[in-house]
Amino acid sequence: MATSGKAEIGIFDAEELAEIRTAVEAVCAELGIGRDDTKGREEVASRMMRSWVLGRRTPLGLVNAGLDAA
């Protein structure tokens, strides 16, 4: 999967964010984290963004990262 290179410094392009967002929605649904649970959703997204920066960018890698602290 190609990346803009900006993710290494915490900047994600629209396509990268869309991929992460899709994974966040799936994990939050699995964990029962509602749309109004900002803190819970931010924690899931943060773990996924770290995974992305570390090079684990597959959908499964993102989901695993999101589920890590569950």
PDB file of N, CA and C in Angstrom:
ATOM      1  N   MET A   1       0.851  -1.168   0.000  1.00  0.00           N
ATOM      2  CA  MET A   1       0.000   0.000   0.000  1.00  0.00           C
ATOM      3  C   MET A   1       0.896   1.231   0.000  1.00  0.00           C
ATOM      4  N   ALA A   2       0.649   2.138  -0.903  1.00  0.00           N
ATOM      5  CA  ALA A   2       1.450   3.352  -0.998  1.00  0.00           C
ATOM      6  C   ALA A   2       1.065   4.321   0.108  1.00  0.00           C
ATOM      7  N   THR A   3       2.011   5.138   0.484  1.00  0.00           N
ATOM      8  CA  THR A   3       1.756   6.146   1.507  1.00  0.00           C
ATOM      9  C   THR A   3       2.411   7.444   1.091  1.00  0.00           C
ATOM     10  N   SER A   4       1.897   8.530   1.563  1.00  0.00           N
ATOM     11  CA  SER A   4       2.418   9.842   1.191  1.00  0.00           C
ATOM     12  C   SER A   4       3.766  10.132   1.825  1.00  0.00           C
ATOM     13  N   GLY A   5       4.139   9.387   2.843  1.00  0.00           N
ATOM     14  CA  GLY A   5       5.377   9.667   3.566  1.00  0.00           C
ATOM     15  C   GLY A   5       5.164  10.673   4.683  1.00  0.00           C
ATOM     16  N   LYS A   6       4.117  11.433   4.609  1.00  0.00           N
ATOM     17  CA  LYS A   6       3.825  12.438   5.632  1.00  0.00           C
ATOM     18  C   LYS A   6       3.362  11.808   6.936  1.00  0.00           C
ATOM     19  N   ALA A   7       2.851  10.588   6.866  1.00  0.00           N
ATOM     20  CA  ALA A   7       2.366   9.912   8.072  1.00  0.00           C
ATOM     21  C   ALA A   7       3.486   9.732   9.079  1.00  0.00           C
ATOM     22  N   GLU A   8       4.713   9.668   8.590  1.00  0.00           N
ATOM     23  CA  GLU A   8       5.850   9.499   9.495  1.00  0.00           C
ATOM     24  C   GLU A   8       5.962  10.654  10.485  1.00  0.00           C
ATOM     25  N   ILE A   9       5.434  11.808  10.119  1.00  0.00           N
ATOM     26  CA  ILE A   9       5.477  12.961  11.023  1.00  0.00           C
ATOM     27  C   ILE A   9       4.091  13.325  11.535  1.00  0.00           C
ATOM     28  N   GLY A  10       3.138  12.399  11.364  1.00  0.00           N
ATOM     29  CA  GLY A  10       1.804  12.616  11.912  1.00  0.00           C
ATOM     30  C   GLY A  10       0.850  13.358  11.012  1.00  0.00           C
ATOM     31  N   ILE A  11       1.179  13.450   9.714  1.00  0.00           N
ATOM     32  CA  ILE A  11       0.281  14.085   8.758  1.00  0.00           C
ATOM     33  C   ILE A  11      -0.202  13.002   7.803  1.00  0.00           C
ATOM     34  N   PHE A  12      -1.500  12.844   7.697  1.00  0.00           N
ATOM     35  CA  PHE A  12      -2.086  11.810   6.859  1.00  0.00           C
ATOM     36  C   PHE A  12      -2.844  12.471   5.714  1.00  0.00           C
ATOM     37  N   ASP A  13      -2.776  11.870   4.517  1.00  0.00           N
ATOM     38  CA  ASP A  13      -3.552  12.422   3.421  1.00  0.00           C
ATOM     39  C   ASP A  13      -4.983  11.893   3.493  1.00  0.00           C
ATOM     40  N   ALA A  14      -5.848  12.391   2.632  1.00  0.00           N
ATOM     41  CA  ALA A  14      -7.272  12.050   2.691  1.00  0.00           C
ATOM     42  C   ALA A  14      -7.508  10.557   2.497  1.00  0.00           C
ATOM     43  N   GLU A  15      -6.767   9.919   1.591  1.00  0.00           N
ATOM     44  CA  GLU A  15      -6.943   8.494   1.346  1.00  0.00           C
ATOM     45  C   GLU A  15      -6.524   7.667   2.568  1.00  0.00           C
ATOM     46  N   GLU A  16      -5.426   8.053   3.182  1.00  0.00           N
ATOM     47  CA  GLU A  16      -4.961   7.352   4.378  1.00  0.00           C
ATOM     48  C   GLU A  16      -5.971   7.497   5.510  1.00  0.00           C
ATOM     49  N   LEU A  17      -6.470   8.708   5.706  1.00  0.00           N
ATOM     50  CA  LEU A  17      -7.466   8.925   6.756  1.00  0.00           C
ATOM     51  C   LEU A  17      -8.744   8.144   6.496  1.00  0.00           C
ATOM     52  N   ALA A  18      -9.132   8.027   5.237  1.00  0.00           N
ATOM     53  CA  ALA A  18     -10.335   7.265   4.905  1.00  0.00           C
ATOM     54  C   ALA A  18     -10.150   5.796   5.272  1.00  0.00           C
ATOM     55  N   GLU A  19      -8.960   5.240   4.998  1.00  0.00           N
ATOM     56  CA  GLU A  19      -8.695   3.848   5.358  1.00  0.00           C
ATOM     57  C   GLU A  19      -8.718   3.657   6.873  1.00  0.00           C
ATOM     58  N   ILE A  20      -8.102   4.583   7.584  1.00  0.00           N
ATOM     59  CA  ILE A  20      -8.092   4.503   9.044  1.00  0.00           C
ATOM     60  C   ILE A  20      -9.509   4.662   9.591  1.00  0.00           C
ATOM     61  N   ARG A  21     -10.256   5.603   9.048  1.00  0.00           N
ATOM     62  CA  ARG A  21     -11.621   5.860   9.512  1.00  0.00           C
ATOM     63  C   ARG A  21     -12.501   4.617   9.345  1.00  0.00           C
ATOM     64  N   THR A  22     -12.356   3.927   8.220  1.00  0.00           N
ATOM     65  CA  THR A  22     -13.125   2.703   7.988  1.00  0.00           C
ATOM     66  C   THR A  22     -12.823   1.664   9.063  1.00  0.00           C
ATOM     67  N   ALA A  23     -11.551   1.515   9.380  1.00  0.00           N
ATOM     68  CA  ALA A  23     -11.154   0.558  10.418  1.00  0.00           C
ATOM     69  C   ALA A  23     -11.654   0.996  11.788  1.00  0.00           C
ATOM     70  N   VAL A  24     -11.595   2.294  12.080  1.00  0.00           N
ATOM     71  CA  VAL A  24     -12.089   2.817  13.363  1.00  0.00           C
ATOM     72  C   VAL A  24     -13.570   2.495  13.508  1.00  0.00           C
ATOM     73  N   GLU A  25     -14.334   2.733  12.465  1.00  0.00           N
ATOM     74  CA  GLU A  25     -15.776   2.463  12.530  1.00  0.00           C
ATOM     75  C   GLU A  25     -16.044   0.987  12.802  1.00  0.00           C
ATOM     76  N   ALA A  26     -15.297   0.105  12.131  1.00  0.00           N
ATOM     77  CA  ALA A  26     -15.495  -1.333  12.318  1.00  0.00           C
ATOM     78  C   ALA A  26     -15.160  -1.766  13.740  1.00  0.00           C
ATOM     79  N   VAL A  27     -14.027  -1.296  14.259  1.00  0.00           N
ATOM     80  CA  VAL A  27     -13.612  -1.687  15.609  1.00  0.00           C
ATOM     81  C   VAL A  27     -14.566  -1.114  16.653  1.00  0.00           C
ATOM     82  N   CYS A  28     -14.947   0.135  16.490  1.00  0.00           N
ATOM     83  CA  CYS A  28     -15.871   0.744  17.456  1.00  0.00           C
ATOM     84  C   CYS A  28     -17.209   0.005  17.464  1.00  0.00           C
ATOM     85  N   ALA A  29     -17.677  -0.400  16.297  1.00  0.00           N
ATOM     86  CA  ALA A  29     -18.926  -1.158  16.238  1.00  0.00           C
ATOM     87  C   ALA A  29     -18.768  -2.497  16.959  1.00  0.00           C
ATOM     88  N   GLU A  30     -17.638  -3.153  16.747  1.00  0.00           N
ATOM     89  CA  GLU A  30     -17.376  -4.447  17.396  1.00  0.00           C
ATOM     90  C   GLU A  30     -17.301  -4.309  18.912  1.00  0.00           C
ATOM     91  N   LEU A  31     -16.703  -3.213  19.375  1.00  0.00           N
ATOM     92  CA  LEU A  31     -16.525  -3.002  20.812  1.00  0.00           C
ATOM     93  C   LEU A  31     -17.707  -2.298  21.473  1.00  0.00           C
ATOM     94  N   GLY A  32     -18.677  -1.892  20.677  1.00  0.00           N
ATOM     95  CA  GLY A  32     -19.836  -1.201  21.232  1.00  0.00           C
ATOM     96  C   GLY A  32     -19.532   0.233  21.649  1.00  0.00           C
ATOM     97  N   ILE A  33     -18.551   0.836  21.003  1.00  0.00           N
ATOM     98  CA  ILE A  33     -18.200   2.232  21.288  1.00  0.00           C
ATOM     99  C   ILE A  33     -19.068   3.114  20.401  1.00  0.00           C
ATOM    100  N   GLY A  34     -19.956   3.861  21.023  1.00  0.00           N
ATOM    101  CA  GLY A  34     -20.894   4.693  20.284  1.00  0.00           C
ATOM    102  C   GLY A  34     -20.258   5.949  19.705  1.00  0.00           C
ATOM    103  N   ARG A  35     -20.971   6.565  18.777  1.00  0.00           N
ATOM    104  CA  ARG A  35     -20.477   7.796  18.138  1.00  0.00           C
ATOM    105  C   ARG A  35     -20.304   8.936  19.138  1.00  0.00           C
ATOM    106  N   ASP A  36     -21.018   8.883  20.236  1.00  0.00           N
ATOM    107  CA  ASP A  36     -20.922   9.946  21.239  1.00  0.00           C
ATOM    108  C   ASP A  36     -19.790   9.716  22.238  1.00  0.00           C
ATOM    109  N   ASP A  37     -19.119   8.575  22.154  1.00  0.00           N
ATOM    110  CA  ASP A  37     -17.998   8.261  23.049  1.00  0.00           C
ATOM    111  C   ASP A  37     -16.697   8.759  22.418  1.00  0.00           C
ATOM    112  N   THR A  38     -16.487  10.049  22.495  1.00  0.00           N
ATOM    113  CA  THR A  38     -15.331  10.678  21.857  1.00  0.00           C
ATOM    114  C   THR A  38     -14.016  10.110  22.375  1.00  0.00           C
ATOM    115  N   LYS A  39     -13.905   9.942  23.669  1.00  0.00           N
ATOM    116  CA  LYS A  39     -12.657   9.446  24.263  1.00  0.00           C
ATOM    117  C   LYS A  39     -12.341   8.033  23.774  1.00  0.00           C
ATOM    118  N   GLY A  40     -13.325   7.167  23.791  1.00  0.00           N
ATOM    119  CA  GLY A  40     -13.121   5.796  23.340  1.00  0.00           C
ATOM    120  C   GLY A  40     -12.723   5.727  21.881  1.00  0.00           C
ATOM    121  N   ARG A  41     -13.385   6.514  21.041  1.00  0.00           N
ATOM    122  CA  ARG A  41     -13.086   6.532  19.614  1.00  0.00           C
ATOM    123  C   ARG A  41     -11.698   7.107  19.356  1.00  0.00           C
ATOM    124  N   GLU A  42     -11.327   8.129  20.114  1.00  0.00           N
ATOM    125  CA  GLU A  42      -9.989   8.713  19.949  1.00  0.00           C
ATOM    126  C   GLU A  42      -8.900   7.716  20.335  1.00  0.00           C
ATOM    127  N   GLU A  43      -9.140   6.934  21.368  1.00  0.00           N
ATOM    128  CA  GLU A  43      -8.158   5.927  21.783  1.00  0.00           C
ATOM    129  C   GLU A  43      -7.966   4.880  20.690  1.00  0.00           C
ATOM    130  N   VAL A  44      -9.070   4.407  20.113  1.00  0.00           N
ATOM    131  CA  VAL A  44      -8.995   3.427  19.027  1.00  0.00           C
ATOM    132  C   VAL A  44      -8.247   4.038  17.840  1.00  0.00           C
ATOM    133  N   ALA A  45      -8.640   5.241  17.446  1.00  0.00           N
ATOM    134  CA  ALA A  45      -8.011   5.895  16.294  1.00  0.00           C
ATOM    135  C   ALA A  45      -6.525   6.147  16.537  1.00  0.00           C
ATOM    136  N   SER A  46      -6.170   6.533  17.740  1.00  0.00           N
ATOM    137  CA  SER A  46      -4.769   6.809  18.063  1.00  0.00           C
ATOM    138  C   SER A  46      -3.916   5.558  17.900  1.00  0.00           C
ATOM    139  N   ARG A  47      -4.418   4.425  18.380  1.00  0.00           N
ATOM    140  CA  ARG A  47      -3.673   3.171  18.237  1.00  0.00           C
ATOM    141  C   ARG A  47      -3.510   2.808  16.767  1.00  0.00           C
ATOM    142  N   MET A  48      -4.540   3.051  15.972  1.00  0.00           N
ATOM    143  CA  MET A  48      -4.468   2.743  14.548  1.00  0.00           C
ATOM    144  C   MET A  48      -3.499   3.672  13.820  1.00  0.00           C
ATOM    145  N   MET A  49      -3.477   4.927  14.192  1.00  0.00           N
ATOM    146  CA  MET A  49      -2.549   5.866  13.558  1.00  0.00           C
ATOM    147  C   MET A  49      -1.107   5.502  13.888  1.00  0.00           C
ATOM    148  N   ARG A  50      -0.873   5.075  15.118  1.00  0.00           N
ATOM    149  CA  ARG A  50       0.481   4.614  15.482  1.00  0.00           C
ATOM    150  C   ARG A  50       0.871   3.399  14.648  1.00  0.00           C
ATOM    151  N   SER A  51      -0.070   2.491  14.465  1.00  0.00           N
ATOM    152  CA  SER A  51       0.172   1.307  13.655  1.00  0.00           C
ATOM    153  C   SER A  51       0.522   1.715  12.227  1.00  0.00           C
ATOM    154  N   TRP A  52      -0.216   2.662  11.691  1.00  0.00           N
ATOM    155  CA  TRP A  52       0.029   3.136  10.327  1.00  0.00           C
ATOM    156  C   TRP A  52       1.446   3.704  10.208  1.00  0.00           C
ATOM    157  N   VAL A  53       1.824   4.545  11.151  1.00  0.00           N
ATOM    158  CA  VAL A  53       3.151   5.171  11.125  1.00  0.00           C
ATOM    159  C   VAL A  53       4.249   4.103  11.210  1.00  0.00           C
ATOM    160  N   LEU A  54       3.988   3.037  11.962  1.00  0.00           N
ATOM    161  CA  LEU A  54       4.972   1.966  12.116  1.00  0.00           C
ATOM    162  C   LEU A  54       5.003   1.012  10.922  1.00  0.00           C
ATOM    163  N   GLY A  55       4.129   1.243   9.937  1.00  0.00           N
ATOM    164  CA  GLY A  55       4.132   0.438   8.723  1.00  0.00           C
ATOM    165  C   GLY A  55       3.131  -0.688   8.682  1.00  0.00           C
ATOM    166  N   ARG A  56       2.357  -0.837   9.739  1.00  0.00           N
ATOM    167  CA  ARG A  56       1.323  -1.892   9.765  1.00  0.00           C
ATOM    168  C   ARG A  56       0.028  -1.273   9.258  1.00  0.00           C
ATOM    169  N   ARG A  57      -0.131  -1.310   7.922  1.00  0.00           N
ATOM    170  CA  ARG A  57      -1.205  -0.558   7.270  1.00  0.00           C
ATOM    171  C   ARG A  57      -2.290  -1.413   6.651  1.00  0.00           C
ATOM    172  N   THR A  58      -2.192  -2.715   6.785  1.00  0.00           N
ATOM    173  CA  THR A  58      -3.247  -3.559   6.223  1.00  0.00           C
ATOM    174  C   THR A  58      -4.513  -3.391   7.060  1.00  0.00           C
ATOM    175  N   PRO A  59      -5.667  -3.661   6.468  1.00  0.00           N
ATOM    176  CA  PRO A  59      -6.896  -3.574   7.265  1.00  0.00           C
ATOM    177  C   PRO A  59      -6.825  -4.425   8.533  1.00  0.00           C
ATOM    178  N   LEU A  60      -6.285  -5.629   8.421  1.00  0.00           N
ATOM    179  CA  LEU A  60      -6.178  -6.494   9.597  1.00  0.00           C
ATOM    180  C   LEU A  60      -5.223  -5.900  10.629  1.00  0.00           C
ATOM    181  N   GLY A  61      -4.119  -5.331  10.185  1.00  0.00           N
ATOM    182  CA  GLY A  61      -3.182  -4.696  11.104  1.00  0.00           C
ATOM    183  C   GLY A  61      -3.813  -3.538  11.847  1.00  0.00           C
ATOM    184  N   LEU A  62      -4.612  -2.752  11.131  1.00  0.00           N
ATOM    185  CA  LEU A  62      -5.288  -1.615  11.774  1.00  0.00           C
ATOM    186  C   LEU A  62      -6.321  -2.101  12.783  1.00  0.00           C
ATOM    187  N   VAL A  63      -7.094  -3.105  12.400  1.00  0.00           N
ATOM    188  CA  VAL A  63      -8.095  -3.643  13.323  1.00  0.00           C
ATOM    189  C   VAL A  63      -7.426  -4.223  14.565  1.00  0.00           C
ATOM    190  N   ASN A  64      -6.368  -4.980  14.366  1.00  0.00           N
ATOM    191  CA  ASN A  64      -5.649  -5.532  15.529  1.00  0.00           C
ATOM    192  C   ASN A  64      -5.146  -4.418  16.437  1.00  0.00           C
ATOM    193  N   ALA A  65      -4.613  -3.358  15.855  1.00  0.00           N
ATOM    194  CA  ALA A  65      -4.131  -2.226  16.660  1.00  0.00           C
ATOM    195  C   ALA A  65      -5.288  -1.598  17.430  1.00  0.00           C
ATOM    196  N   GLY A  66      -6.417  -1.454  16.785  1.00  0.00           N
ATOM    197  CA  GLY A  66      -7.586  -0.863  17.439  1.00  0.00           C
ATOM    198  C   GLY A  66      -8.125  -1.704  18.572  1.00  0.00           C
ATOM    199  N   LEU A  67      -7.984  -3.004  18.449  1.00  0.00           N
ATOM    200  CA  LEU A  67      -8.491  -3.923  19.473  1.00  0.00           C
ATOM    201  C   LEU A  67      -7.491  -4.162  20.598  1.00  0.00           C
ATOM    202  N   ASP A  68      -6.242  -3.741  20.430  1.00  0.00           N
ATOM    203  CA  ASP A  68      -5.179  -4.060  21.377  1.00  0.00           C
ATOM    204  C   ASP A  68      -5.508  -3.805  22.834  1.00  0.00           C
ATOM    205  N   ALA A  69      -6.082  -2.703  23.171  1.00  0.00           N
ATOM    206  CA  ALA A  69      -6.318  -2.385  24.580  1.00  0.00           C
ATOM    207  C   ALA A  69      -7.737  -2.739  25.013  1.00  0.00           C
ATOM    208  N   ALA A  70      -8.452  -3.415  24.143  1.00  0.00           N
ATOM    209  CA  ALA A  70      -9.860  -3.735  24.464  1.00  0.00           C
ATOM    210  C   ALA A  70      -9.953  -4.800  25.532  1.00  0.00           C
TER     211      ALA A  70
END
